[in-house]
């Protein structure tokens, strides 16, 4: 995931504001903080529908169901940066990292008269980067352009033991996958100060994005033992391309200790993606027409400082 980190760093550096002369002292309010999010994630494979890998006795990939393929909730941690400049403009960015695990339920008995112990598991590392360039229309309303990059990679293990009246099959496989979503969007924000408490506010924001997606899945190994005979199944898979529509929404409560420049934020966030294949036929991953949901609780603590430069008029 080095390319994701490099991309995030490049976007942050290129988008940092450079104030211009405005007839007064140049100033930028800069805040840096830590970010923690506990997230529930339902990726496209959660419903348990997937494609089989080609085997020695059947070389095609066909859809089948393995039962629920749930992903355990997990914490993500990272940092946030925000710069406010020219009184009404701001740039903010966040970068988070977390690890998930997906475990499938056994398929159980299947027709005709077979007992299957199929199980799949994925160990996932995820990176999530968001950048906003916004304009505050007034104290209450704002609008922003946004850029999202989400990437994850995983290692999947597959085990299947089938017993029938005519024989047995043991199938084992290991595969590696990579996935990245990246694209721009537009959003609006609403800030509601609490009466009599200027340092407390409620904020809401929502955005729509269009994302380009690339996903790959490649087997490290596959083998099967059928009635005592060992075989190596066929099947290597590479990249598939998608595009998706994405919606985001956040609701948060903020509190600021102005004398020391420390602020706190506690809120909730929801995000949904809807995938579409870039071609008519579905690929091995079968993400086309599937949804990706994530929602969680976010906590942030940040420290802010105002940097003031010389008055360009007096220079």
Protein backbone atom coordinates (compact mmCIF):
# COMPACT_ATOMS: atom_id res chain seq x y z
CA UNK A 1 0.00 0.00 0.00
CA UNK A 2 2.97 2.35 -0.42
CA UNK A 3 1.27 4.00 -3.39
CA UNK A 4 -1.73 4.88 -1.23
CA UNK A 5 0.47 6.56 1.38
CA UNK A 6 2.41 8.45 -1.30
CA UNK A 7 -0.81 9.56 -2.99
CA UNK A 8 -2.26 10.78 0.29
CA UNK A 9 0.91 12.71 1.14
CA UNK A 10 1.04 14.29 -2.31
CA UNK A 11 -2.59 15.44 -2.13
CA UNK A 12 -2.09 16.90 1.34
CA UNK A 13 1.02 18.83 0.34
CA UNK A 14 -0.38 20.10 -2.95
CA UNK A 15 -3.64 21.28 -1.39
CA UNK A 16 -2.20 23.11 1.63
CA UNK A 17 -3.15 26.76 1.29
CA UNK A 18 -0.78 29.60 0.50
CA UNK A 19 -2.37 32.84 1.73
CA UNK A 20 -2.28 35.83 -0.56
CA UNK A 21 -1.86 39.49 0.29
CA UNK A 22 -5.20 40.93 1.37
CA UNK A 23 -4.38 44.32 2.81
CA UNK A 24 -3.76 42.96 6.31
CA UNK A 25 -1.58 40.52 8.23
CA UNK A 26 -1.42 37.07 6.69
CA UNK A 27 -2.80 34.39 9.00
CA UNK A 28 -3.58 30.69 8.88
CA UNK A 29 -5.21 28.71 11.68
CA UNK A 30 -3.62 25.27 11.63
CA UNK A 31 -4.86 22.29 13.65
CA UNK A 32 -3.38 18.81 13.92
CA UNK A 33 -4.92 15.96 15.86
CA UNK A 34 -5.42 12.28 16.43
CA UNK A 35 -8.46 10.45 15.06
CA UNK A 36 -10.07 7.21 16.23
CA UNK A 37 -13.02 5.47 14.56
CA UNK A 38 -14.71 2.22 15.57
CA UNK A 39 -16.34 0.87 12.41
CA UNK A 40 -18.84 -1.78 11.39
CA UNK A 41 -18.17 -2.80 7.78
CA UNK A 42 -20.31 -4.81 5.36
CA UNK A 43 -18.25 -5.28 2.16
CA UNK A 44 -19.68 -6.75 -1.08
CA UNK A 45 -18.88 -10.34 -0.11
CA UNK A 46 -20.85 -10.24 3.18
CA UNK A 47 -23.94 -11.90 1.66
CA UNK A 48 -21.90 -15.02 0.92
CA UNK A 49 -22.47 -15.01 -2.84
CA UNK A 50 -19.27 -15.61 -4.77
CA UNK A 51 -17.84 -17.50 -7.74
CA UNK A 52 -16.19 -20.90 -7.55
CA UNK A 53 -12.59 -21.32 -8.64
CA UNK A 54 -12.14 -23.63 -11.64
CA UNK A 55 -11.29 -27.18 -10.61
CA UNK A 56 -9.93 -30.16 -12.44
CA UNK A 57 -13.41 -31.58 -13.11
CA UNK A 58 -15.12 -28.26 -13.94
CA UNK A 59 -13.04 -25.54 -15.54
CA UNK A 60 -15.63 -22.70 -15.42
CA UNK A 61 -16.36 -20.25 -12.62
CA UNK A 62 -19.98 -20.34 -11.49
CA UNK A 63 -21.82 -18.43 -8.73
CA UNK A 64 -22.63 -20.20 -5.49
CA UNK A 65 -23.45 -19.32 -1.88
CA UNK A 66 -21.22 -20.07 1.08
CA UNK A 67 -23.51 -18.69 3.81
CA UNK A 68 -22.87 -15.47 5.71
CA UNK A 69 -19.36 -14.06 5.25
CA UNK A 70 -19.35 -11.51 8.07
CA UNK A 71 -16.66 -8.96 8.79
CA UNK A 72 -15.98 -8.24 12.46
CA UNK A 73 -16.11 -4.59 13.57
CA UNK A 74 -12.70 -3.04 14.12
CA UNK A 75 -10.99 0.18 15.25
CA UNK A 76 -9.25 2.50 12.81
CA UNK A 77 -6.71 5.07 13.98
CA UNK A 78 -4.86 7.91 12.31
CA UNK A 79 -4.51 11.68 12.18
CA UNK A 80 -6.23 14.79 10.86
CA UNK A 81 -4.92 18.11 9.55
CA UNK A 82 -6.94 21.29 8.97
CA UNK A 83 -5.93 24.75 7.76
CA UNK A 84 -8.30 27.74 7.79
CA UNK A 85 -7.28 30.69 5.63
CA UNK A 86 -8.63 33.86 3.98
CA UNK A 87 -11.34 33.91 6.70
CA UNK A 88 -13.83 31.72 4.81
CA UNK A 89 -11.73 28.93 3.24
CA UNK A 90 -10.38 25.73 4.72
CA UNK A 91 -8.53 22.56 3.74
CA UNK A 92 -8.77 19.39 5.83
CA UNK A 93 -7.59 15.84 5.44
CA UNK A 94 -7.68 12.60 7.42
CA UNK A 95 -5.77 9.34 7.08
CA UNK A 96 -6.85 6.18 8.92
CA UNK A 97 -5.54 2.62 9.12
CA UNK A 98 -7.23 -0.49 10.48
CA UNK A 99 -7.36 -4.29 10.29
CA UNK A 100 -10.48 -6.43 9.81
CA UNK A 101 -11.26 -10.13 9.74
CA UNK A 102 -13.95 -11.84 7.67
CA UNK A 103 -15.13 -15.33 8.56
CA UNK A 104 -17.72 -17.37 6.67
CA UNK A 105 -20.32 -19.74 7.99
CA UNK A 106 -20.10 -23.36 6.89
CA UNK A 107 -22.24 -24.24 3.89
CA UNK A 108 -23.62 -27.32 5.65
CA UNK A 109 -25.57 -30.12 3.90
CA UNK A 110 -26.12 -29.70 0.17
CA UNK A 111 -27.94 -31.54 -2.58
CA UNK A 112 -27.63 -34.35 -3.41
CA UNK A 113 -26.91 -36.07 -0.08
CA UNK A 114 -23.56 -34.36 0.53
CA UNK A 115 -22.12 -32.85 3.71
CA UNK A 116 -19.88 -29.82 3.09
CA UNK A 117 -17.56 -28.11 5.57
CA UNK A 118 -16.65 -25.18 3.36
CA UNK A 119 -15.11 -22.20 5.18
CA UNK A 120 -13.42 -19.01 4.00
CA UNK A 121 -11.55 -16.37 5.94
CA UNK A 122 -9.93 -13.05 5.06
CA UNK A 123 -7.39 -11.01 7.01
CA UNK A 124 -7.70 -7.44 5.76
CA UNK A 125 -5.61 -4.27 6.08
CA UNK A 126 -7.40 -1.06 5.15
CA UNK A 127 -6.30 2.54 4.51
CA UNK A 128 -8.82 5.37 4.31
CA UNK A 129 -7.92 8.91 3.15
CA UNK A 130 -10.26 11.90 2.78
CA UNK A 131 -9.44 15.48 1.74
CA UNK A 132 -11.79 18.49 1.71
CA UNK A 133 -11.35 21.95 0.23
CA UNK A 134 -14.22 24.03 1.57
CA UNK A 135 -15.81 27.46 1.63
CA UNK A 136 -17.78 28.67 4.64
CA UNK A 137 -20.69 30.72 3.28
CA UNK A 138 -21.58 32.00 6.76
CA UNK A 139 -21.49 30.81 10.34
CA UNK A 140 -23.98 28.05 9.62
CA UNK A 141 -23.54 26.79 6.06
CA UNK A 142 -20.61 25.65 3.96
CA UNK A 143 -19.78 23.70 0.80
CA UNK A 144 -16.74 21.65 -0.11
CA UNK A 145 -15.01 19.63 -2.80
CA UNK A 146 -13.73 16.29 -1.61
CA UNK A 147 -11.37 13.55 -2.68
CA UNK A 148 -11.59 10.02 -1.29
CA UNK A 149 -9.07 7.20 -1.48
CA UNK A 150 -9.82 3.89 0.20
CA UNK A 151 -7.59 0.87 -0.29
CA UNK A 152 -7.36 -2.54 1.29
CA UNK A 153 -5.50 -5.78 0.73
CA UNK A 154 -6.21 -9.21 2.14
CA UNK A 155 -5.10 -12.82 2.30
CA UNK A 156 -7.89 -15.37 1.92
CA UNK A 157 -7.83 -18.99 3.01
CA UNK A 158 -10.37 -21.50 1.65
CA UNK A 159 -11.02 -24.97 3.04
CA UNK A 160 -13.67 -27.39 1.78
CA UNK A 161 -14.33 -30.94 2.89
CA UNK A 162 -17.19 -32.75 1.12
CA UNK A 163 -18.38 -36.26 1.92
CA UNK A 164 -20.94 -38.06 -0.25
CA UNK A 165 -22.13 -41.61 -0.71
CA UNK A 166 -19.73 -42.00 -3.64
CA UNK A 167 -16.54 -40.48 -2.29
CA UNK A 168 -14.86 -37.49 -0.67
CA UNK A 169 -13.17 -34.25 -1.64
CA UNK A 170 -10.75 -32.04 0.28
CA UNK A 171 -10.02 -28.67 -1.34
CA UNK A 172 -7.61 -26.04 -0.01
CA UNK A 173 -6.54 -22.71 -1.47
CA UNK A 174 -4.88 -19.44 -0.53
CA UNK A 175 -5.23 -16.16 -2.44
CA UNK A 176 -4.23 -12.52 -2.18
CA UNK A 177 -6.41 -9.58 -3.13
CA UNK A 178 -5.99 -5.83 -3.52
CA UNK A 179 -8.69 -3.19 -3.88
CA UNK A 180 -8.64 0.59 -4.30
CA UNK A 181 -11.43 3.19 -4.64
CA UNK A 182 -10.52 6.75 -5.59
CA UNK A 183 -12.52 9.70 -6.86
CA UNK A 184 -13.88 13.23 -6.33
CA UNK A 185 -17.14 14.52 -4.92
CA UNK A 186 -19.10 17.50 -3.62
CA UNK A 187 -20.64 18.09 -0.21
CA UNK A 188 -22.43 20.55 2.04
CA UNK A 189 -22.04 21.22 5.76
CA UNK A 190 -24.26 22.70 8.45
CA UNK A 191 -23.00 24.00 11.81
CA UNK A 192 -25.39 24.81 14.66
CA UNK A 193 -23.88 26.61 17.69
CA UNK A 194 -25.45 25.82 21.03
CA UNK A 195 -27.29 28.77 22.60
CA UNK A 196 -25.25 30.46 25.37
CA UNK A 197 -22.30 28.11 24.67
CA UNK A 198 -20.18 29.43 21.81
CA UNK A 199 -17.58 26.73 22.34
CA UNK A 200 -20.06 23.89 21.74
CA UNK A 201 -21.65 23.12 18.36
CA UNK A 202 -23.43 20.41 16.41
CA UNK A 203 -22.28 19.81 12.85
CA UNK A 204 -23.70 17.80 9.97
CA UNK A 205 -22.22 17.12 6.54
CA UNK A 206 -23.11 14.96 3.56
CA UNK A 207 -21.41 14.36 0.22
CA UNK A 208 -21.82 12.44 -3.03
CA UNK A 209 -18.85 11.02 -4.92
CA UNK A 210 -18.06 9.13 -8.10
CA UNK A 211 -15.27 6.59 -7.63
CA UNK A 212 -13.11 4.55 -9.96
CA UNK A 213 -12.22 1.11 -8.62
CA UNK A 214 -9.60 -1.49 -9.35
CA UNK A 215 -9.62 -4.90 -7.68
CA UNK A 216 -7.42 -7.95 -8.10
CA UNK A 217 -7.53 -11.54 -6.86
CA UNK A 218 -4.70 -14.01 -7.46
CA UNK A 219 -4.25 -17.53 -6.05
CA UNK A 220 -1.05 -18.41 -4.21
CA UNK A 221 -1.94 -22.08 -4.42
CA UNK A 222 -4.85 -24.49 -4.93
CA UNK A 223 -5.01 -28.24 -4.55
CA UNK A 224 -7.60 -30.93 -4.03
CA UNK A 225 -7.61 -34.52 -2.89
CA UNK A 226 -10.48 -36.41 -4.50
CA UNK A 227 -10.99 -40.01 -3.32
CA UNK A 228 -7.30 -40.20 -2.46
CA UNK A 229 -6.03 -38.72 -5.76
CA UNK A 230 -4.08 -35.44 -5.57
CA UNK A 231 -4.63 -32.73 -8.21
CA UNK A 232 -3.78 -29.05 -8.83
CA UNK A 233 -6.86 -27.11 -10.00
CA UNK A 234 -6.64 -24.51 -12.75
CA UNK A 235 -7.39 -20.83 -12.38
CA UNK A 236 -5.43 -17.63 -11.95
CA UNK A 237 -7.32 -14.34 -11.82
CA UNK A 238 -6.14 -10.79 -12.29
CA UNK A 239 -7.61 -7.28 -12.15
CA UNK A 240 -11.20 -6.21 -12.59
CA UNK A 241 -12.40 -2.62 -13.00
CA UNK A 242 -15.53 -0.96 -11.63
CA UNK A 243 -17.01 2.44 -11.04
CA UNK A 244 -19.24 3.30 -8.12
CA UNK A 245 -21.49 5.93 -6.62
CA UNK A 246 -20.68 6.82 -3.03
CA UNK A 247 -22.63 8.67 -0.35
CA UNK A 248 -21.26 9.92 2.97
CA UNK A 249 -22.92 11.44 6.01
CA UNK A 250 -21.57 12.60 9.40
CA UNK A 251 -23.16 14.03 12.54
CA UNK A 252 -20.91 15.28 15.34
CA UNK A 253 -20.78 17.24 18.57
CA UNK A 254 -17.76 19.54 18.96
CA UNK A 255 -16.27 21.27 22.00
CA UNK A 256 -13.41 23.78 21.97
CA UNK A 257 -11.19 24.99 24.80
CA UNK A 258 -10.25 28.32 23.26
CA UNK A 259 -7.64 29.42 25.84
CA UNK A 260 -5.45 26.39 25.09
CA UNK A 261 -6.49 25.77 21.47
CA UNK A 262 -7.67 22.19 22.06
CA UNK A 263 -10.86 20.85 20.50
CA UNK A 264 -12.77 17.58 20.84
CA UNK A 265 -15.24 15.94 18.49
CA UNK A 266 -17.52 12.95 19.00
CA UNK A 267 -19.84 11.77 16.26
CA UNK A 268 -21.13 9.14 13.88
CA UNK A 269 -20.39 8.47 10.23
CA UNK A 270 -22.12 6.42 7.54
CA UNK A 271 -20.87 5.61 4.04
CA UNK A 272 -22.32 3.50 1.23
CA UNK A 273 -20.90 2.52 -2.18
CA UNK A 274 -22.75 0.94 -5.08
CA UNK A 275 -20.51 -0.87 -7.58
CA UNK A 276 -21.00 -1.18 -11.32
CA UNK A 277 -18.79 -3.21 -13.67
CA UNK A 278 -17.09 -1.37 -16.50
CA UNK A 279 -18.11 -4.18 -18.85
CA UNK A 280 -21.32 -6.14 -19.39
CA UNK A 281 -20.16 -9.48 -18.00
CA UNK A 282 -19.46 -10.03 -14.32
CA UNK A 283 -16.01 -11.14 -13.25
CA UNK A 284 -14.78 -13.60 -10.68
CA UNK A 285 -15.23 -11.17 -7.76
CA UNK A 286 -18.88 -10.50 -8.64
CA UNK A 287 -18.97 -6.97 -7.15
CA UNK A 288 -21.16 -5.54 -9.93
CA UNK A 289 -24.54 -4.50 -8.51
CA UNK A 290 -23.32 -5.01 -4.93
CA UNK A 291 -23.24 -2.54 -2.02
CA UNK A 292 -20.50 -1.67 0.45
CA UNK A 293 -21.71 -0.26 3.78
CA UNK A 294 -19.68 1.13 6.67
CA UNK A 295 -20.77 3.04 9.75
CA UNK A 296 -19.06 3.90 12.98
CA UNK A 297 -18.34 6.15 15.95
CA UNK A 298 -15.59 8.76 15.57
CA UNK A 299 -13.59 10.58 18.23
CA UNK A 300 -11.02 13.28 17.51
CA UNK A 301 -8.82 15.52 19.62
CA UNK A 302 -6.88 18.31 17.92
CA UNK A 303 -4.60 21.19 18.84
CA UNK A 304 -4.89 24.47 16.91
CA UNK A 305 -2.56 27.43 16.55
CA UNK A 306 -2.87 30.64 14.55
CA UNK A 307 0.16 31.55 12.46
CA UNK A 308 0.34 35.25 11.60
CA UNK A 309 2.77 36.75 9.13
CA UNK A 310 3.80 40.35 8.39
CA UNK A 311 1.38 42.85 6.91
CA UNK A 312 2.20 42.88 3.16
CA UNK A 313 0.98 46.50 2.87
CA UNK A 314 3.64 47.71 5.28
CA UNK A 315 6.49 45.77 3.64
